[in-house]
PDB file of N, CA and C in Angstrom:
ATOM      1  N   MET A   1     247.498 -42.109 233.271  1.00  0.00           N
ATOM      2  CA  MET A   1     248.548 -41.872 234.235  1.00  0.00           C
ATOM      3  C   MET A   1     248.235 -40.637 235.065  1.00  0.00           C
ATOM      4  N   GLY A   2     247.521 -39.680 234.508  1.00  0.00           N
ATOM      5  CA  GLY A   2     247.165 -38.484 235.271  1.00  0.00           C
ATOM      6  C   GLY A   2     246.316 -38.810 236.477  1.00  0.00           C
ATOM      7  N   LEU A   3     245.356 -39.700 236.321  1.00  0.00           N
ATOM      8  CA  LEU A   3     244.521 -40.113 237.445  1.00  0.00           C
ATOM      9  C   LEU A   3     245.361 -40.863 238.474  1.00  0.00           C
ATOM     10  N   ALA A   4     246.289 -41.678 238.020  1.00  0.00           N
ATOM     11  CA  ALA A   4     247.139 -42.451 238.931  1.00  0.00           C
ATOM     12  C   ALA A   4     247.959 -41.538 239.829  1.00  0.00           C
ATOM     13  N   ARG A   5     248.360 -40.380 239.338  1.00  0.00           N
ATOM     14  CA  ARG A   5     249.179 -39.443 240.121  1.00  0.00           C
ATOM     15  C   ARG A   5     248.349 -38.424 240.910  1.00  0.00           C
ATOM     16  N   ASN A   6     247.055 -38.366 240.654  1.00  0.00           N
ATOM     17  CA  ASN A   6     246.198 -37.370 241.301  1.00  0.00           C
ATOM     18  C   ASN A   6     246.023 -37.721 242.786  1.00  0.00           C
ATOM     19  N   PRO A   7     246.495 -36.850 243.698  1.00  0.00           N
ATOM     20  CA  PRO A   7     246.394 -37.154 245.130  1.00  0.00           C
ATOM     21  C   PRO A   7     244.963 -37.200 245.650  1.00  0.00           C
ATOM     22  N   ARG A   8     244.002 -36.750 244.849  1.00  0.00           N
ATOM     23  CA  ARG A   8     242.593 -36.814 245.252  1.00  0.00           C
ATOM     24  C   ARG A   8     241.876 -38.028 244.657  1.00  0.00           C
ATOM     25  N   ALA A   9     242.613 -38.856 243.943  1.00  0.00           N
ATOM     26  CA  ALA A   9     242.018 -40.061 243.365  1.00  0.00           C
ATOM     27  C   ALA A   9     241.589 -40.996 244.496  1.00  0.00           C
ATOM     28  N   PRO A  10     240.414 -41.588 244.382  1.00  0.00           N
ATOM     29  CA  PRO A  10     239.960 -42.524 245.420  1.00  0.00           C
ATOM     30  C   PRO A  10     240.894 -43.738 245.532  1.00  0.00           C
ATOM     31  N   GLN A  11     241.043 -44.228 246.744  1.00  0.00           N
ATOM     32  CA  GLN A  11     241.948 -45.349 246.970  1.00  0.00           C
ATOM     33  C   GLN A  11     241.531 -46.608 246.220  1.00  0.00           C
ATOM     34  N   ASP A  12     240.237 -46.836 246.037  1.00  0.00           N
ATOM     35  CA  ASP A  12     239.821 -48.027 245.306  1.00  0.00           C
ATOM     36  C   ASP A  12     240.223 -47.937 243.831  1.00  0.00           C
ATOM     37  N   ILE A  13     240.206 -46.732 243.292  1.00  0.00           N
ATOM     38  CA  ILE A  13     240.649 -46.527 241.898  1.00  0.00           C
ATOM     39  C   ILE A  13     242.152 -46.751 241.804  1.00  0.00           C
ATOM     40  N   LEU A  14     242.898 -46.224 242.768  1.00  0.00           N
ATOM     41  CA  LEU A  14     244.353 -46.414 242.775  1.00  0.00           C
ATOM     42  C   LEU A  14     244.701 -47.897 242.895  1.00  0.00           C
ATOM     43  N   SER A  15     243.959 -48.613 243.719  1.00  0.00           N
ATOM     44  CA  SER A  15     244.193 -50.054 243.871  1.00  0.00           C
ATOM     45  C   SER A  15     243.983 -50.779 242.541  1.00  0.00           C
ATOM     46  N   ALA A  16     242.954 -50.399 241.810  1.00  0.00           N
ATOM     47  CA  ALA A  16     242.689 -51.007 240.505  1.00  0.00           C
ATOM     48  C   ALA A  16     243.772 -50.631 239.492  1.00  0.00           C
ATOM     49  N   LEU A  17     244.181 -49.375 239.489  1.00  0.00           N
ATOM     50  CA  LEU A  17     245.209 -48.924 238.546  1.00  0.00           C
ATOM     51  C   LEU A  17     246.563 -49.576 238.817  1.00  0.00           C
ATOM     52  N   ALA A  18     246.801 -49.970 240.061  1.00  0.00           N
ATOM     53  CA  ALA A  18     248.063 -50.628 240.413  1.00  0.00           C
ATOM     54  C   ALA A  18     248.217 -51.975 239.708  1.00  0.00           C
ATOM     55  N   LEU A  19     247.124 -52.524 239.228  1.00  0.00           N
ATOM     56  CA  LEU A  19     247.146 -53.813 238.522  1.00  0.00           C
ATOM     57  C   LEU A  19     247.305 -53.649 237.016  1.00  0.00           C
ATOM     58  N   SER A  20     247.463 -52.412 236.570  1.00  0.00           N
ATOM     59  CA  SER A  20     247.572 -52.121 235.144  1.00  0.00           C
ATOM     60  C   SER A  20     248.782 -52.811 234.521  1.00  0.00           C
ATOM     61  N   GLY A  21     248.624 -53.198 233.288  1.00  0.00           N
ATOM     62  CA  GLY A  21     249.739 -53.735 232.525  1.00  0.00           C
ATOM     63  C   GLY A  21     250.707 -52.654 232.065  1.00  0.00           C
ATOM     64  N   ASP A  22     250.318 -51.399 232.242  1.00  0.00           N
ATOM     65  CA  ASP A  22     251.157 -50.269 231.833  1.00  0.00           C
ATOM     66  C   ASP A  22     252.051 -49.856 232.992  1.00  0.00           C
ATOM     67  N   GLU A  23     253.344 -50.007 232.824  1.00  0.00           N
ATOM     68  CA  GLU A  23     254.289 -49.708 233.899  1.00  0.00           C
ATOM     69  C   GLU A  23     254.262 -48.240 234.317  1.00  0.00           C
ATOM     70  N   TYR A  24     253.935 -47.338 233.422  1.00  0.00           N
ATOM     71  CA  TYR A  24     253.902 -45.921 233.770  1.00  0.00           C
ATOM     72  C   TYR A  24     252.682 -45.589 234.627  1.00  0.00           C
ATOM     73  N   THR A  25     251.591 -46.296 234.385  1.00  0.00           N
ATOM     74  CA  THR A  25     250.421 -46.137 235.249  1.00  0.00           C
ATOM     75  C   THR A  25     250.743 -46.655 236.644  1.00  0.00           C
ATOM     76  N   ARG A  26     251.370 -47.837 236.729  1.00  0.00           N
ATOM     77  CA  ARG A  26     251.772 -48.368 238.036  1.00  0.00           C
ATOM     78  C   ARG A  26     252.736 -47.414 238.731  1.00  0.00           C
ATOM     79  N   GLY A  27     253.634 -46.804 237.961  1.00  0.00           N
ATOM     80  CA  GLY A  27     254.572 -45.837 238.537  1.00  0.00           C
ATOM     81  C   GLY A  27     253.855 -44.622 239.086  1.00  0.00           C
ATOM     82  N   GLY A  28     252.811 -44.187 238.405  1.00  0.00           N
ATOM     83  CA  GLY A  28     252.022 -43.066 238.901  1.00  0.00           C
ATOM     84  C   GLY A  28     251.326 -43.402 240.204  1.00  0.00           C
ATOM     85  N   VAL A  29     250.784 -44.607 240.283  1.00  0.00           N
ATOM     86  CA  VAL A  29     250.145 -45.055 241.528  1.00  0.00           C
ATOM     87  C   VAL A  29     251.193 -45.135 242.633  1.00  0.00           C
ATOM     88  N   ALA A  30     252.376 -45.649 242.314  1.00  0.00           N
ATOM     89  CA  ALA A  30     253.448 -45.794 243.301  1.00  0.00           C
ATOM     90  C   ALA A  30     253.901 -44.440 243.855  1.00  0.00           C
ATOM     91  N   ALA A  31     253.792 -43.404 243.073  1.00  0.00           N
ATOM     92  CA  ALA A  31     254.211 -42.074 243.502  1.00  0.00           C
ATOM     93  C   ALA A  31     253.121 -41.320 244.261  1.00  0.00           C
ATOM     94  N   ASN A  32     251.895 -41.807 244.199  1.00  0.00           N
ATOM     95  CA  ASN A  32     250.761 -41.089 244.767  1.00  0.00           C
ATOM     96  C   ASN A  32     250.713 -41.238 246.291  1.00  0.00           C
ATOM     97  N   PRO A  33     250.718 -40.126 247.030  1.00  0.00           N
ATOM     98  CA  PRO A  33     250.702 -40.204 248.498  1.00  0.00           C
ATOM     99  C   PRO A  33     249.393 -40.740 249.071  1.00  0.00           C
ATOM    100  N   ASN A  34     248.367 -40.852 248.242  1.00  0.00           N
ATOM    101  CA  ASN A  34     247.076 -41.366 248.693  1.00  0.00           C
ATOM    102  C   ASN A  34     246.930 -42.878 248.456  1.00  0.00           C
ATOM    103  N   THR A  35     247.938 -43.495 247.875  1.00  0.00           N
ATOM    104  CA  THR A  35     247.877 -44.927 247.598  1.00  0.00           C
ATOM    105  C   THR A  35     247.919 -45.703 248.908  1.00  0.00           C
ATOM    106  N   PRO A  36     247.017 -46.684 249.076  1.00  0.00           N
ATOM    107  CA  PRO A  36     247.001 -47.482 250.310  1.00  0.00           C
ATOM    108  C   PRO A  36     248.331 -48.219 250.547  1.00  0.00           C
ATOM    109  N   ALA A  37     248.672 -48.384 251.807  1.00  0.00           N
ATOM    110  CA  ALA A  37     249.935 -49.025 252.189  1.00  0.00           C
ATOM    111  C   ALA A  37     250.093 -50.416 251.580  1.00  0.00           C
ATOM    112  N   GLU A  38     249.015 -51.189 251.556  1.00  0.00           N
ATOM    113  CA  GLU A  38     249.124 -52.552 251.019  1.00  0.00           C
ATOM    114  C   GLU A  38     249.394 -52.542 249.516  1.00  0.00           C
ATOM    115  N   VAL A  39     248.914 -51.527 248.833  1.00  0.00           N
ATOM    116  CA  VAL A  39     249.188 -51.402 247.400  1.00  0.00           C
ATOM    117  C   VAL A  39     250.646 -51.004 247.190  1.00  0.00           C
ATOM    118  N   LEU A  40     251.132 -50.064 247.993  1.00  0.00           N
ATOM    119  CA  LEU A  40     252.544 -49.666 247.905  1.00  0.00           C
ATOM    120  C   LEU A  40     253.450 -50.857 248.200  1.00  0.00           C
ATOM    121  N   SER A  41     253.042 -51.681 249.134  1.00  0.00           N
ATOM    122  CA  SER A  41     253.820 -52.872 249.463  1.00  0.00           C
ATOM    123  C   SER A  41     253.937 -53.788 248.251  1.00  0.00           C
ATOM    124  N   GLY A  42     252.845 -53.994 247.546  1.00  0.00           N
ATOM    125  CA  GLY A  42     252.865 -54.821 246.344  1.00  0.00           C
ATOM    126  C   GLY A  42     253.702 -54.209 245.232  1.00  0.00           C
ATOM    127  N   LEU A  43     253.591 -52.902 245.063  1.00  0.00           N
ATOM    128  CA  LEU A  43     254.363 -52.224 244.019  1.00  0.00           C
ATOM    129  C   LEU A  43     255.850 -52.154 244.371  1.00  0.00           C
ATOM    130  N   GLY A  44     256.167 -52.336 245.638  1.00  0.00           N
ATOM    131  CA  GLY A  44     257.565 -52.336 246.067  1.00  0.00           C
ATOM    132  C   GLY A  44     258.366 -53.521 245.550  1.00  0.00           C
ATOM    133  N   VAL A  45     257.682 -54.501 245.000  1.00  0.00           N
ATOM    134  CA  VAL A  45     258.367 -55.652 244.401  1.00  0.00           C
ATOM    135  C   VAL A  45     258.074 -55.751 242.898  1.00  0.00           C
ATOM    136  N   ASP A  46     257.629 -54.658 242.310  1.00  0.00           N
ATOM    137  CA  ASP A  46     257.353 -54.624 240.870  1.00  0.00           C
ATOM    138  C   ASP A  46     258.632 -54.948 240.101  1.00  0.00           C
ATOM    139  N   GLN A  47     258.495 -55.567 238.945  1.00  0.00           N
ATOM    140  CA  GLN A  47     259.674 -55.915 238.139  1.00  0.00           C
ATOM    141  C   GLN A  47     260.360 -54.692 237.539  1.00  0.00           C
ATOM    142  N   GLU A  48     259.651 -53.594 237.405  1.00  0.00           N
ATOM    143  CA  GLU A  48     260.225 -52.387 236.798  1.00  0.00           C
ATOM    144  C   GLU A  48     260.885 -51.517 237.868  1.00  0.00           C
ATOM    145  N   TRP A  49     262.157 -51.192 237.659  1.00  0.00           N
ATOM    146  CA  TRP A  49     262.899 -50.439 238.661  1.00  0.00           C
ATOM    147  C   TRP A  49     262.276 -49.080 238.928  1.00  0.00           C
ATOM    148  N   HIS A  50     261.732 -48.429 237.906  1.00  0.00           N
ATOM    149  CA  HIS A  50     261.218 -47.075 238.121  1.00  0.00           C
ATOM    150  C   HIS A  50     259.929 -47.090 238.943  1.00  0.00           C
ATOM    151  N   VAL A  51     259.190 -48.191 238.906  1.00  0.00           N
ATOM    152  CA  VAL A  51     258.011 -48.319 239.763  1.00  0.00           C
ATOM    153  C   VAL A  51     258.479 -48.462 241.209  1.00  0.00           C
ATOM    154  N   ARG A  52     259.463 -49.333 241.439  1.00  0.00           N
ATOM    155  CA  ARG A  52     260.008 -49.493 242.797  1.00  0.00           C
ATOM    156  C   ARG A  52     260.626 -48.193 243.300  1.00  0.00           C
ATOM    157  N   ARG A  53     261.282 -47.452 242.409  1.00  0.00           N
ATOM    158  CA  ARG A  53     261.876 -46.173 242.814  1.00  0.00           C
ATOM    159  C   ARG A  53     260.789 -45.195 243.244  1.00  0.00           C
ATOM    160  N   SER A  54     259.670 -45.191 242.551  1.00  0.00           N
ATOM    161  CA  SER A  54     258.560 -44.310 242.948  1.00  0.00           C
ATOM    162  C   SER A  54     258.021 -44.704 244.318  1.00  0.00           C
ATOM    163  N   VAL A  55     257.928 -45.994 244.588  1.00  0.00           N
ATOM    164  CA  VAL A  55     257.520 -46.445 245.920  1.00  0.00           C
ATOM    165  C   VAL A  55     258.540 -45.969 246.950  1.00  0.00           C
ATOM    166  N   ALA A  56     259.822 -46.110 246.629  1.00  0.00           N
ATOM    167  CA  ALA A  56     260.889 -45.715 247.547  1.00  0.00           C
ATOM    168  C   ALA A  56     260.858 -44.219 247.864  1.00  0.00           C
ATOM    169  N   MET A  57     260.400 -43.414 246.946  1.00  0.00           N
ATOM    170  CA  MET A  57     260.367 -41.960 247.138  1.00  0.00           C
ATOM    171  C   MET A  57     259.078 -41.483 247.805  1.00  0.00           C
ATOM    172  N   ASN A  58     258.054 -42.320 247.833  1.00  0.00           N
ATOM    173  CA  ASN A  58     256.747 -41.923 248.342  1.00  0.00           C
ATOM    174  C   ASN A  58     256.796 -41.821 249.872  1.00  0.00           C
ATOM    175  N   PRO A  59     256.504 -40.644 250.443  1.00  0.00           N
ATOM    176  CA  PRO A  59     256.559 -40.490 251.904  1.00  0.00           C
ATOM    177  C   PRO A  59     255.504 -41.300 252.641  1.00  0.00           C
ATOM    178  N   ALA A  60     254.516 -41.834 251.930  1.00  0.00           N
ATOM    179  CA  ALA A  60     253.475 -42.653 252.555  1.00  0.00           C
ATOM    180  C   ALA A  60     253.846 -44.136 252.588  1.00  0.00           C
ATOM    181  N   THR A  61     254.983 -44.495 252.021  1.00  0.00           N
ATOM    182  CA  THR A  61     255.395 -45.897 251.988  1.00  0.00           C
ATOM    183  C   THR A  61     255.702 -46.385 253.400  1.00  0.00           C
ATOM    184  N   PRO A  62     255.149 -47.536 253.782  1.00  0.00           N
ATOM    185  CA  PRO A  62     255.418 -48.079 255.119  1.00  0.00           C
ATOM    186  C   PRO A  62     256.915 -48.324 255.344  1.00  0.00           C
ATOM    187  N   LEU A  63     257.359 -48.145 256.580  1.00  0.00           N
ATOM    188  CA  LEU A  63     258.779 -48.291 256.898  1.00  0.00           C
ATOM    189  C   LEU A  63     259.320 -49.671 256.542  1.00  0.00           C
ATOM    190  N   GLY A  64     258.543 -50.707 256.747  1.00  0.00           N
ATOM    191  CA  GLY A  64     259.001 -52.055 256.408  1.00  0.00           C
ATOM    192  C   GLY A  64     259.309 -52.207 254.929  1.00  0.00           C
ATOM    193  N   VAL A  65     258.505 -51.573 254.100  1.00  0.00           N
ATOM    194  CA  VAL A  65     258.727 -51.616 252.651  1.00  0.00           C
ATOM    195  C   VAL A  65     259.982 -50.814 252.305  1.00  0.00           C
ATOM    196  N   LEU A  66     260.129 -49.651 252.943  1.00  0.00           N
ATOM    197  CA  LEU A  66     261.328 -48.830 252.694  1.00  0.00           C
ATOM    198  C   LEU A  66     262.592 -49.578 253.094  1.00  0.00           C
ATOM    199  N   GLU A  67     262.532 -50.290 254.211  1.00  0.00           N
ATOM    200  CA  GLU A  67     263.703 -51.049 254.654  1.00  0.00           C
ATOM    201  C   GLU A  67     264.099 -52.097 253.625  1.00  0.00           C
ATOM    202  N   LYS A  68     263.118 -52.753 253.015  1.00  0.00           N
ATOM    203  CA  LYS A  68     263.420 -53.725 251.969  1.00  0.00           C
ATOM    204  C   LYS A  68     264.002 -53.041 250.736  1.00  0.00           C
ATOM    205  N   LEU A  69     263.455 -51.876 250.398  1.00  0.00           N
ATOM    206  CA  LEU A  69     263.936 -51.162 249.215  1.00  0.00           C
ATOM    207  C   LEU A  69     265.341 -50.605 249.420  1.00  0.00           C
ATOM    208  N   LEU A  70     265.739 -50.388 250.652  1.00  0.00           N
ATOM    209  CA  LEU A  70     267.116 -49.961 250.924  1.00  0.00           C
ATOM    210  C   LEU A  70     268.123 -50.996 250.432  1.00  0.00           C
ATOM    211  N   GLY A  71     267.707 -52.247 250.390  1.00  0.00           N
ATOM    212  CA  GLY A  71     268.577 -53.322 249.928  1.00  0.00           C
ATOM    213  C   GLY A  71     268.340 -53.729 248.486  1.00  0.00           C
ATOM    214  N   ASP A  72     267.569 -52.952 247.734  1.00  0.00           N
ATOM    215  CA  ASP A  72     267.285 -53.284 246.334  1.00  0.00           C
ATOM    216  C   ASP A  72     268.587 -53.345 245.544  1.00  0.00           C
ATOM    217  N   ALA A  73     268.681 -54.322 244.666  1.00  0.00           N
ATOM    218  CA  ALA A  73     269.884 -54.491 243.847  1.00  0.00           C
ATOM    219  C   ALA A  73     270.126 -53.313 242.910  1.00  0.00           C
ATOM    220  N   ASP A  74     269.074 -52.605 242.542  1.00  0.00           N
ATOM    221  CA  ASP A  74     269.211 -51.449 241.653  1.00  0.00           C
ATOM    222  C   ASP A  74     269.499 -50.222 242.513  1.00  0.00           C
ATOM    223  N   THR A  75     270.642 -49.614 242.305  1.00  0.00           N
ATOM    224  CA  THR A  75     271.044 -48.470 243.133  1.00  0.00           C
ATOM    225  C   THR A  75     270.138 -47.254 242.948  1.00  0.00           C
ATOM    226  N   ARG A  76     269.428 -47.180 241.831  1.00  0.00           N
ATOM    227  CA  ARG A  76     268.478 -46.077 241.652  1.00  0.00           C
ATOM    228  C   ARG A  76     267.326 -46.218 242.634  1.00  0.00           C
ATOM    229  N   VAL A  77     266.982 -47.439 242.974  1.00  0.00           N
ATOM    230  CA  VAL A  77     265.902 -47.708 243.922  1.00  0.00           C
ATOM    231  C   VAL A  77     266.410 -47.548 245.347  1.00  0.00           C
ATOM    232  N   SER A  78     267.505 -48.207 245.679  1.00  0.00           N
ATOM    233  CA  SER A  78     268.034 -48.128 247.049  1.00  0.00           C
ATOM    234  C   SER A  78     268.440 -46.700 247.399  1.00  0.00           C
ATOM    235  N   GLY A  79     268.981 -45.975 246.440  1.00  0.00           N
ATOM    236  CA  GLY A  79     269.349 -44.575 246.680  1.00  0.00           C
ATOM    237  C   GLY A  79     268.138 -43.709 246.949  1.00  0.00           C
ATOM    238  N   ALA A  80     267.057 -43.954 246.223  1.00  0.00           N
ATOM    239  CA  ALA A  80     265.817 -43.199 246.441  1.00  0.00           C
ATOM    240  C   ALA A  80     265.252 -43.504 247.821  1.00  0.00           C
ATOM    241  N   ALA A  81     265.331 -44.758 248.235  1.00  0.00           N
ATOM    242  CA  ALA A  81     264.826 -45.136 249.562  1.00  0.00           C
ATOM    243  C   ALA A  81     265.595 -44.404 250.658  1.00  0.00           C
ATOM    244  N   ARG A  82     266.897 -44.236 250.472  1.00  0.00           N
ATOM    245  CA  ARG A  82     267.712 -43.536 251.486  1.00  0.00           C
ATOM    246  C   ARG A  82     267.312 -42.075 251.648  1.00  0.00           C
ATOM    247  N   THR A  83     266.718 -41.492 250.616  1.00  0.00           N
ATOM    248  CA  THR A  83     266.350 -40.079 250.693  1.00  0.00           C
ATOM    249  C   THR A  83     264.909 -39.857 251.149  1.00  0.00           C
ATOM    250  N   ASN A  84     264.156 -40.941 251.383  1.00  0.00           N
ATOM    251  CA  ASN A  84     262.749 -40.805 251.781  1.00  0.00           C
ATOM    252  C   ASN A  84     262.671 -40.118 253.140  1.00  0.00           C
ATOM    253  N   THR A  85     261.886 -39.074 253.212  1.00  0.00           N
ATOM    254  CA  THR A  85     261.768 -38.286 254.451  1.00  0.00           C
ATOM    255  C   THR A  85     261.203 -39.093 255.609  1.00  0.00           C
ATOM    256  N   ALA A  86     260.513 -40.189 255.328  1.00  0.00           N
ATOM    257  CA  ALA A  86     259.972 -41.017 256.404  1.00  0.00           C
ATOM    258  C   ALA A  86     261.076 -41.672 257.220  1.00  0.00           C
ATOM    259  N   LEU A  87     262.276 -41.777 256.650  1.00  0.00           N
ATOM    260  CA  LEU A  87     263.405 -42.376 257.350  1.00  0.00           C
ATOM    261  C   LEU A  87     264.205 -41.378 258.175  1.00  0.00           C
ATOM    262  N   ILE A  88     263.878 -40.096 258.032  1.00  0.00           N
ATOM    263  CA  ILE A  88     264.625 -39.061 258.742  1.00  0.00           C
ATOM    264  C   ILE A  88     264.033 -38.891 260.140  1.00  0.00           C
ATOM    265  N   PRO A  89     264.817 -39.115 261.191  1.00  0.00           N
ATOM    266  CA  PRO A  89     264.294 -38.981 262.559  1.00  0.00           C
ATOM    267  C   PRO A  89     263.710 -37.590 262.808  1.00  0.00           C
ATOM    268  N   GLY A  90     262.613 -37.558 263.526  1.00  0.00           N
ATOM    269  CA  GLY A  90     262.000 -36.291 263.878  1.00  0.00           C
ATOM    270  C   GLY A  90     261.010 -35.760 262.853  1.00  0.00           C
ATOM    271  N   ARG A  91     260.793 -36.511 261.793  1.00  0.00           N
ATOM    272  CA  ARG A  91     259.842 -36.052 260.776  1.00  0.00           C
ATOM    273  C   ARG A  91     258.608 -36.880 260.806  1.00  0.00           C
TER     274      ARG A  91
END
């Protein structure tokens, strides 16, 4: 999980770690600002709410993914998406 959260981790490694069966590793990748947009998009529909919440909080998450997470049935996820700085005008 430490490598998954390391902002200097190579994107190809993060892409591979995103496929992990370990939800905490996927959550680390979801929180990493260096994770590729397409990987964040995939993790945005993860079955585990805390993985989706990490995607929702990641400032590198594409706006389209954030918009979908705003409507997530789990309020911990939708609430996190509302606080993402990427949604704040002027930032």
